[in-house]
């Protein structure tokens, strides 16, 4: 009788030996291969693009046994969703949003040790990009992409008004003179259209030397909605509308309307980021659209502008902190930064990437210069305060309310929200 066992098989022919080994392996109950490690990555819903998916495939190829699970979400829901996931003890491993906001709200893991371990230097990045991942004295993420608010203009509109090209707009006073020359008294053409965007309004505030939130080294916030430079900048925008030089915000989200008015020639100027530069350059009359630096406030001194873009962070309680950081490093390397710029108009966070010949484009050179003084809108760390600021701006720009009064009320709401619900 042949007894089946899990020891060595008898000496038999090679073919039969292979068959027996297969049977023995099955009969001895060998373990199946381990399930792959799932790295959950939550991105905003416009990021499942070819460069991003290439990075995913490269990471999986260099990390056998790891599979990336991609989740998508509109950016406006990112904070509340991650907060719920952290509370449930089931957060993703990587999240795209604003790491400073996640850090301020207690949703992100500090990553100072990994920055040091991987020898990442803050000097590699634009200062504003580092601000986007910093809260208090800690680094909570890795900068992903960036942008800056700049001023676009139509060449044909300036020529029709006998204005120089490029425009000589160095201060708010200069802009007001241009706006008057570019606007028709019958209202059919105005200098610009103001989108309903408190990020854009923040760009004008920064240009005037203002700030809506100051953060101490320990992370303690101080709202400054009603400070003179902020009130002055918002009042200036309101005066453009009141004097017939600018179309007011048209609705809850009128950014596209502002761009449409600009492309139609109804508005001669337009403030936006590099995503609109990429769109306009594809237009048959693309050479008619050009970009210049934002004016520098009432005094004309160089101040700043709003920084856009995003960053990556590791939520509190994530299962694969180090693996997550390694993926963040791959996605933000120079290769993918350049692809994202060329294919999607997303600007790099590292200054050295701008040495690529692609960025010799005159329009992109303007963004390079503007990024040097761009800052992220830190009030996004406090949703209730941000909502109060947005409401005040709408009251002023859409309904013609007094800037000082509306911003003072928003200041009270922001301070009250901080006392009652810190971090919200």
Protein backbone atom coordinates (compact mmCIF):
# COMPACT_ATOMS: atom_id res chain seq x y z
CA UNK A 1 0.00 0.00 0.00
CA UNK A 2 1.30 3.43 -0.90
CA UNK A 3 1.12 5.83 2.04
CA UNK A 4 0.63 9.55 1.22
CA UNK A 5 2.86 11.78 3.30
CA UNK A 6 4.38 15.29 3.30
CA UNK A 7 8.00 14.23 3.31
CA UNK A 8 10.37 13.67 0.38
CA UNK A 9 8.94 11.78 -2.61
CA UNK A 10 10.56 8.55 -3.77
CA UNK A 11 13.13 8.62 -6.57
CA UNK A 12 11.12 8.59 -9.78
CA UNK A 13 11.26 10.15 -13.23
CA UNK A 14 11.39 13.91 -13.61
CA UNK A 15 7.96 14.29 -15.22
CA UNK A 16 6.27 12.15 -12.61
CA UNK A 17 8.28 13.95 -9.92
CA UNK A 18 6.86 17.30 -10.98
CA UNK A 19 3.33 15.90 -10.92
CA UNK A 20 3.83 14.41 -7.46
CA UNK A 21 5.32 17.65 -6.14
CA UNK A 22 2.27 19.55 -7.35
CA UNK A 23 -0.02 17.04 -5.64
CA UNK A 24 2.05 17.09 -2.46
CA UNK A 25 2.02 20.88 -2.31
CA UNK A 26 -1.74 20.88 -2.62
CA UNK A 27 -2.23 18.01 -0.25
CA UNK A 28 -0.04 19.57 2.45
CA UNK A 29 -2.24 22.69 2.55
CA UNK A 30 0.39 25.25 1.45
CA UNK A 31 -0.48 28.90 2.11
CA UNK A 32 -1.86 30.99 -0.81
CA UNK A 33 0.18 34.04 -1.76
CA UNK A 34 -0.45 36.99 0.59
CA UNK A 35 -2.99 39.58 -0.48
CA UNK A 36 -1.43 42.75 -1.88
CA UNK A 37 -1.00 45.72 0.43
CA UNK A 38 -3.65 48.30 -0.45
CA UNK A 39 -2.43 51.90 -0.43
CA UNK A 40 -5.54 54.10 -0.45
CA UNK A 41 -5.05 57.43 -2.23
CA UNK A 42 -7.81 60.05 -2.14
CA UNK A 43 -7.52 62.72 -4.85
CA UNK A 44 -9.74 65.54 -6.03
CA UNK A 45 -11.98 64.42 -8.87
CA UNK A 46 -10.00 66.15 -11.64
CA UNK A 47 -6.76 64.28 -10.95
CA UNK A 48 -7.36 60.84 -12.49
CA UNK A 49 -5.33 61.94 -15.52
CA UNK A 50 -2.59 60.26 -17.61
CA UNK A 51 0.39 61.68 -15.63
CA UNK A 52 -1.14 60.65 -12.32
CA UNK A 53 -2.06 57.17 -13.56
CA UNK A 54 1.47 56.73 -14.94
CA UNK A 55 2.86 57.51 -11.50
CA UNK A 56 0.51 54.93 -9.98
CA UNK A 57 1.69 52.25 -12.40
CA UNK A 58 5.35 53.12 -11.82
CA UNK A 59 4.93 52.93 -8.05
CA UNK A 60 3.18 49.58 -8.21
CA UNK A 61 5.90 48.29 -10.55
CA UNK A 62 8.66 49.27 -8.13
CA UNK A 63 6.77 48.00 -5.06
CA UNK A 64 5.75 44.37 -5.69
CA UNK A 65 2.83 43.39 -3.52
CA UNK A 66 1.46 46.96 -3.31
CA UNK A 67 -1.68 48.04 -5.12
CA UNK A 68 -2.95 51.60 -5.11
CA UNK A 69 -6.66 52.09 -4.61
CA UNK A 70 -7.69 55.43 -6.09
CA UNK A 71 -10.59 57.31 -4.56
CA UNK A 72 -11.96 60.61 -5.92
CA UNK A 73 -13.91 63.44 -4.37
CA UNK A 74 -14.77 67.09 -5.14
CA UNK A 75 -12.33 69.31 -3.28
CA UNK A 76 -15.13 71.15 -1.47
CA UNK A 77 -16.01 67.91 0.35
CA UNK A 78 -12.44 66.86 1.17
CA UNK A 79 -12.16 68.28 4.69
CA UNK A 80 -15.46 66.97 6.03
CA UNK A 81 -14.94 63.54 4.42
CA UNK A 82 -11.46 63.03 5.84
CA UNK A 83 -12.64 64.25 9.24
CA UNK A 84 -15.33 61.56 9.25
CA UNK A 85 -12.90 58.86 8.10
CA UNK A 86 -10.36 59.76 10.78
CA UNK A 87 -13.11 59.67 13.43
CA UNK A 88 -14.19 56.22 12.20
CA UNK A 89 -10.59 54.95 12.33
CA UNK A 90 -10.55 54.17 8.60
CA UNK A 91 -8.74 57.01 6.80
CA UNK A 92 -6.98 56.69 3.44
CA UNK A 93 -3.18 56.70 3.37
CA UNK A 94 -2.69 59.74 1.12
CA UNK A 95 -4.99 62.72 0.66
CA UNK A 96 -4.74 65.63 -1.76
CA UNK A 97 -5.99 68.90 -0.29
CA UNK A 98 -4.20 71.60 1.72
CA UNK A 99 -1.92 70.02 4.30
CA UNK A 100 -1.84 73.22 6.38
CA UNK A 101 -5.63 73.00 6.81
CA UNK A 102 -5.46 69.32 7.73
CA UNK A 103 -2.71 70.08 10.24
CA UNK A 104 -4.66 72.94 11.78
CA UNK A 105 -7.74 70.74 12.17
CA UNK A 106 -5.86 67.82 13.70
CA UNK A 107 -6.45 65.58 10.68
CA UNK A 108 -2.85 65.07 9.51
CA UNK A 109 0.26 63.32 10.76
CA UNK A 110 3.35 65.54 11.21
CA UNK A 111 5.97 64.51 8.64
CA UNK A 112 9.02 66.43 9.88
CA UNK A 113 10.94 63.20 10.50
CA UNK A 114 10.35 61.94 6.96
CA UNK A 115 11.39 65.26 5.41
CA UNK A 116 14.63 64.84 7.36
CA UNK A 117 15.06 61.14 6.57
CA UNK A 118 14.62 61.75 2.83
CA UNK A 119 16.79 64.90 3.00
CA UNK A 120 14.12 67.16 1.52
CA UNK A 121 15.02 70.83 1.75
CA UNK A 122 12.40 73.57 2.03
CA UNK A 123 14.67 75.75 -0.13
CA UNK A 124 13.81 73.53 -3.14
CA UNK A 125 10.28 74.98 -3.19
CA UNK A 126 8.57 78.30 -3.66
CA UNK A 127 8.01 79.78 -0.19
CA UNK A 128 4.24 79.71 -0.66
CA UNK A 129 4.36 75.98 -1.47
CA UNK A 130 6.04 75.31 1.87
CA UNK A 131 3.39 77.46 3.57
CA UNK A 132 0.78 75.13 2.06
CA UNK A 133 2.14 72.20 4.10
CA UNK A 134 3.06 74.04 7.30
CA UNK A 135 1.08 74.77 10.42
CA UNK A 136 2.72 76.12 13.54
CA UNK A 137 6.23 74.72 13.51
CA UNK A 138 5.44 71.39 11.81
CA UNK A 139 5.41 70.08 8.25
CA UNK A 140 2.22 68.13 7.58
CA UNK A 141 2.64 67.15 3.94
CA UNK A 142 4.41 67.51 0.61
CA UNK A 143 3.65 70.27 -1.95
CA UNK A 144 2.07 68.84 -5.12
CA UNK A 145 1.28 71.63 -7.56
CA UNK A 146 1.01 75.39 -7.43
CA UNK A 147 -0.39 78.42 -9.20
CA UNK A 148 -0.72 82.16 -8.81
CA UNK A 149 -3.30 84.81 -9.58
CA UNK A 150 -2.16 87.00 -12.48
CA UNK A 151 -3.70 89.61 -14.78
CA UNK A 152 -4.68 88.63 -18.34
CA UNK A 153 -5.44 91.21 -21.04
CA UNK A 154 -6.70 91.34 -24.63
CA UNK A 155 -4.27 92.93 -27.08
CA UNK A 156 -7.09 94.14 -29.35
CA UNK A 157 -8.90 95.86 -26.49
CA UNK A 158 -5.80 97.77 -25.42
CA UNK A 159 -5.03 98.80 -29.00
CA UNK A 160 -8.58 100.05 -29.53
CA UNK A 161 -8.20 102.23 -26.44
CA UNK A 162 -4.75 103.46 -27.55
CA UNK A 163 -3.10 101.93 -24.50
CA UNK A 164 0.50 100.63 -24.51
CA UNK A 165 1.27 96.94 -24.93
CA UNK A 166 2.33 95.46 -22.60
CA UNK A 167 0.27 97.52 -20.20
CA UNK A 168 2.01 99.70 -17.64
CA UNK A 169 -0.10 98.71 -14.64
CA UNK A 170 2.01 98.92 -11.49
CA UNK A 171 -0.56 100.04 -8.92
CA UNK A 172 -4.29 100.10 -8.26
CA UNK A 173 -4.32 103.71 -9.48
CA UNK A 174 -2.77 102.61 -12.79
CA UNK A 175 -5.38 99.88 -13.11
CA UNK A 176 -8.21 102.32 -12.47
CA UNK A 177 -6.96 104.59 -15.27
CA UNK A 178 -6.79 101.63 -17.65
CA UNK A 179 -10.21 100.47 -16.51
CA UNK A 180 -11.76 103.83 -17.30
CA UNK A 181 -10.22 103.85 -20.78
CA UNK A 182 -11.33 100.28 -21.50
CA UNK A 183 -14.94 100.65 -20.38
CA UNK A 184 -17.77 101.97 -22.54
CA UNK A 185 -20.31 104.30 -21.01
CA UNK A 186 -23.22 102.23 -22.33
CA UNK A 187 -22.05 99.21 -20.31
CA UNK A 188 -21.52 96.92 -23.29
CA UNK A 189 -17.81 96.61 -22.56
CA UNK A 190 -16.01 96.84 -19.25
CA UNK A 191 -12.43 96.47 -18.14
CA UNK A 192 -13.02 93.16 -16.37
CA UNK A 193 -15.50 90.76 -14.83
CA UNK A 194 -15.10 89.83 -11.17
CA UNK A 195 -15.63 86.10 -10.57
CA UNK A 196 -17.31 84.98 -7.36
CA UNK A 197 -14.10 83.68 -5.81
CA UNK A 198 -12.76 84.68 -2.44
CA UNK A 199 -9.45 83.14 -3.51
CA UNK A 200 -9.25 85.76 -6.27
CA UNK A 201 -10.31 88.53 -3.89
CA UNK A 202 -7.49 87.36 -1.61
CA UNK A 203 -5.06 87.93 -4.49
CA UNK A 204 -6.10 91.59 -4.59
CA UNK A 205 -5.81 91.79 -0.80
CA UNK A 206 -2.28 90.39 -0.92
CA UNK A 207 -1.41 92.78 -3.75
CA UNK A 208 -2.35 95.60 -1.39
CA UNK A 209 -0.16 94.23 1.41
CA UNK A 210 -3.11 92.80 3.33
CA UNK A 211 -3.65 89.48 5.06
CA UNK A 212 -6.82 87.86 6.41
CA UNK A 213 -5.17 85.45 8.87
CA UNK A 214 -1.91 85.53 10.80
CA UNK A 215 -0.57 82.36 12.40
CA UNK A 216 1.86 82.36 15.32
CA UNK A 217 4.73 79.89 15.60
CA UNK A 218 2.62 77.71 17.90
CA UNK A 219 -0.24 77.65 15.38
CA UNK A 220 -2.43 80.17 17.20
CA UNK A 221 -4.51 82.05 14.60
CA UNK A 222 -5.51 85.73 14.50
CA UNK A 223 -8.09 86.88 11.96
CA UNK A 224 -7.53 90.27 10.32
CA UNK A 225 -10.55 90.61 8.03
CA UNK A 226 -11.18 94.22 9.06
CA UNK A 227 -7.58 95.46 8.90
CA UNK A 228 -7.04 98.61 6.78
CA UNK A 229 -5.19 96.95 3.83
CA UNK A 230 -7.93 94.30 3.52
CA UNK A 231 -10.76 96.83 3.65
CA UNK A 232 -8.93 99.08 1.18
CA UNK A 233 -8.45 96.28 -1.38
CA UNK A 234 -12.07 95.09 -1.19
CA UNK A 235 -13.32 98.67 -1.38
CA UNK A 236 -11.19 99.17 -4.51
CA UNK A 237 -12.81 96.19 -6.23
CA UNK A 238 -16.22 97.50 -5.20
CA UNK A 239 -15.40 100.90 -6.71
CA UNK A 240 -14.61 99.25 -10.06
CA UNK A 241 -18.11 97.78 -10.08
CA UNK A 242 -19.77 100.97 -8.83
CA UNK A 243 -18.02 103.13 -11.46
CA UNK A 244 -19.02 100.80 -14.30
CA UNK A 245 -15.52 99.47 -14.91
CA UNK A 246 -16.16 95.85 -13.85
CA UNK A 247 -18.99 93.35 -14.05
CA UNK A 248 -19.96 92.12 -10.56
CA UNK A 249 -19.98 88.41 -9.70
CA UNK A 250 -22.83 86.83 -11.65
CA UNK A 251 -23.79 83.97 -9.35
CA UNK A 252 -22.72 81.37 -6.87
CA UNK A 253 -19.76 80.34 -9.02
CA UNK A 254 -19.20 82.76 -11.87
CA UNK A 255 -15.57 82.00 -12.70
CA UNK A 256 -16.50 80.52 -16.06
CA UNK A 257 -18.76 83.48 -16.78
CA UNK A 258 -15.85 85.85 -16.19
CA UNK A 259 -13.68 83.87 -18.62
CA UNK A 260 -16.49 83.81 -21.20
CA UNK A 261 -16.88 87.58 -21.04
CA UNK A 262 -13.14 87.95 -21.50
CA UNK A 263 -13.00 85.60 -24.50
CA UNK A 264 -15.96 87.38 -26.09
CA UNK A 265 -14.25 90.76 -25.76
CA UNK A 266 -16.93 92.09 -23.43
CA UNK A 267 -14.29 92.25 -20.69
CA UNK A 268 -10.82 93.51 -21.65
CA UNK A 269 -8.96 92.02 -18.67
CA UNK A 270 -9.26 88.88 -16.57
CA UNK A 271 -7.58 87.61 -13.39
CA UNK A 272 -6.87 83.90 -13.18
CA UNK A 273 -4.26 81.15 -12.98
CA UNK A 274 -2.23 79.19 -15.51
CA UNK A 275 -5.10 76.80 -16.25
CA UNK A 276 -6.75 79.62 -18.19
CA UNK A 277 -3.47 80.38 -19.95
CA UNK A 278 -3.43 76.82 -21.27
CA UNK A 279 -7.06 77.17 -22.38
CA UNK A 280 -6.57 80.52 -24.07
CA UNK A 281 -3.42 79.44 -25.93
CA UNK A 282 -5.48 76.75 -27.66
CA UNK A 283 -7.90 79.37 -28.97
CA UNK A 284 -7.58 80.20 -32.72
CA UNK A 285 -6.81 83.77 -31.68
CA UNK A 286 -4.60 82.72 -28.79
CA UNK A 287 -1.96 85.36 -29.51
CA UNK A 288 -4.55 88.01 -28.66
CA UNK A 289 -4.49 86.93 -24.99
CA UNK A 290 -1.49 87.79 -22.85
CA UNK A 291 -0.65 87.85 -19.19
CA UNK A 292 1.13 90.28 -16.89
CA UNK A 293 1.85 90.67 -13.18
CA UNK A 294 -0.83 91.76 -10.75
CA UNK A 295 -0.74 95.46 -9.82
CA UNK A 296 0.95 96.12 -6.50
CA UNK A 297 -1.70 97.86 -4.46
CA UNK A 298 -2.32 101.52 -3.86
CA UNK A 299 1.30 102.38 -3.16
CA UNK A 300 2.69 100.54 -6.16
CA UNK A 301 5.21 98.65 -4.02
CA UNK A 302 5.72 94.94 -4.66
CA UNK A 303 3.44 93.00 -2.33
CA UNK A 304 2.13 89.61 -3.43
CA UNK A 305 -0.76 87.58 -4.76
CA UNK A 306 -2.82 84.47 -4.03
CA UNK A 307 -1.22 81.05 -4.46
CA UNK A 308 -3.31 78.19 -5.75
CA UNK A 309 -2.51 74.52 -6.14
CA UNK A 310 -2.57 71.76 -3.54
CA UNK A 311 -0.51 69.43 -1.38
CA UNK A 312 -0.54 65.85 -0.12
CA UNK A 313 -0.78 64.66 3.47
CA UNK A 314 -1.06 61.48 5.54
CA UNK A 315 -4.23 61.45 7.68
CA UNK A 316 -4.17 60.64 11.38
CA UNK A 317 -4.35 56.89 11.88
CA UNK A 318 -3.30 55.94 8.33
CA UNK A 319 -1.96 52.38 8.12
CA UNK A 320 0.98 52.93 5.77
CA UNK A 321 2.64 56.22 6.70
CA UNK A 322 6.10 55.57 5.22
CA UNK A 323 4.78 53.88 2.09
CA UNK A 324 2.42 56.81 1.63
CA UNK A 325 5.32 59.25 1.85
CA UNK A 326 7.25 57.28 -0.75
CA UNK A 327 4.31 57.57 -3.16
CA UNK A 328 4.10 61.29 -2.46
CA UNK A 329 7.76 61.62 -3.37
CA UNK A 330 7.27 59.85 -6.69
CA UNK A 331 4.17 61.82 -7.68
CA UNK A 332 5.91 65.13 -6.93
CA UNK A 333 9.25 64.41 -8.58
CA UNK A 334 10.55 66.58 -11.42
CA UNK A 335 9.49 64.17 -14.16
CA UNK A 336 5.83 64.19 -13.21
CA UNK A 337 5.89 67.89 -12.32
CA UNK A 338 6.95 68.63 -15.88
CA UNK A 339 4.31 66.33 -17.36
CA UNK A 340 1.61 67.94 -15.26
CA UNK A 341 2.72 71.37 -16.45
CA UNK A 342 2.84 70.46 -20.15
CA UNK A 343 -0.29 68.34 -20.25
CA UNK A 344 -2.54 70.04 -17.70
CA UNK A 345 -1.20 73.52 -16.95
CA UNK A 346 -0.40 72.64 -13.31
CA UNK A 347 2.70 74.53 -12.24
CA UNK A 348 5.63 72.89 -10.41
CA UNK A 349 6.31 73.55 -6.74
CA UNK A 350 10.09 73.23 -7.09
CA UNK A 351 11.81 76.26 -8.59
CA UNK A 352 14.43 74.17 -10.43
CA UNK A 353 11.80 72.62 -12.72
CA UNK A 354 11.29 76.04 -14.31
CA UNK A 355 14.75 75.74 -15.89
CA UNK A 356 13.23 73.39 -18.48
CA UNK A 357 12.97 75.04 -21.95
CA UNK A 358 9.19 74.60 -21.82
CA UNK A 359 8.95 77.44 -19.32
CA UNK A 360 10.61 79.95 -21.64
CA UNK A 361 7.10 80.76 -22.83
CA UNK A 362 6.59 84.48 -21.99
CA UNK A 363 3.29 83.81 -20.24
CA UNK A 364 4.79 81.10 -18.03
CA UNK A 365 7.69 83.42 -17.19
CA UNK A 366 5.12 85.83 -15.74
CA UNK A 367 3.79 83.05 -13.52
CA UNK A 368 7.33 82.17 -12.44
CA UNK A 369 7.87 85.76 -11.31
CA UNK A 370 4.45 86.01 -9.66
CA UNK A 371 4.94 82.77 -7.72
CA UNK A 372 7.85 84.32 -5.84
CA UNK A 373 5.41 86.48 -3.89
CA UNK A 374 2.35 84.19 -3.83
CA UNK A 375 0.78 82.92 -0.61
CA UNK A 376 -1.92 80.30 0.07
CA UNK A 377 -5.24 81.35 1.58
CA UNK A 378 -4.71 80.05 5.12
CA UNK A 379 -8.23 80.92 6.28
CA UNK A 380 -9.30 77.69 4.54
CA UNK A 381 -8.12 76.01 7.75
CA UNK A 382 -11.23 77.46 9.42
CA UNK A 383 -14.35 76.70 7.33
CA UNK A 384 -16.76 78.83 9.39
CA UNK A 385 -14.49 81.85 9.21
CA UNK A 386 -13.91 81.30 5.50
CA UNK A 387 -17.68 81.19 4.97
CA UNK A 388 -18.07 84.49 6.82
CA UNK A 389 -15.38 86.10 4.65
CA UNK A 390 -16.98 84.78 1.48
CA UNK A 391 -20.37 86.15 2.57
CA UNK A 392 -18.87 89.59 3.25
CA UNK A 393 -17.19 89.72 -0.15
CA UNK A 394 -20.46 88.83 -1.87
CA UNK A 395 -22.29 91.54 0.04
CA UNK A 396 -19.72 94.12 -1.04
CA UNK A 397 -19.09 93.10 -4.65
CA UNK A 398 -22.54 91.88 -5.63
CA UNK A 399 -24.88 93.98 -3.50
CA UNK A 400 -22.73 97.11 -3.07
CA UNK A 401 -22.50 96.95 0.73
CA UNK A 402 -19.90 99.01 2.57
CA UNK A 403 -16.59 97.12 2.70
CA UNK A 404 -15.58 98.23 6.19
CA UNK A 405 -18.96 97.33 7.69
CA UNK A 406 -19.26 93.91 6.04
CA UNK A 407 -15.70 92.89 6.85
CA UNK A 408 -16.04 94.01 10.46
CA UNK A 409 -19.09 91.79 10.83
CA UNK A 410 -17.21 88.89 9.21
CA UNK A 411 -14.38 89.47 11.69
CA UNK A 412 -16.81 89.09 14.61
CA UNK A 413 -18.22 85.86 13.18
CA UNK A 414 -14.72 84.46 12.60
CA UNK A 415 -13.56 85.25 16.13
CA UNK A 416 -16.75 83.81 17.62
CA UNK A 417 -16.40 80.60 15.62
CA UNK A 418 -12.84 80.19 16.83
CA UNK A 419 -13.90 80.48 20.47
CA UNK A 420 -16.82 78.08 20.13
CA UNK A 421 -15.41 75.54 17.67
CA UNK A 422 -11.60 75.72 17.30
CA UNK A 423 -10.46 74.28 13.98
CA UNK A 424 -13.79 74.82 12.25
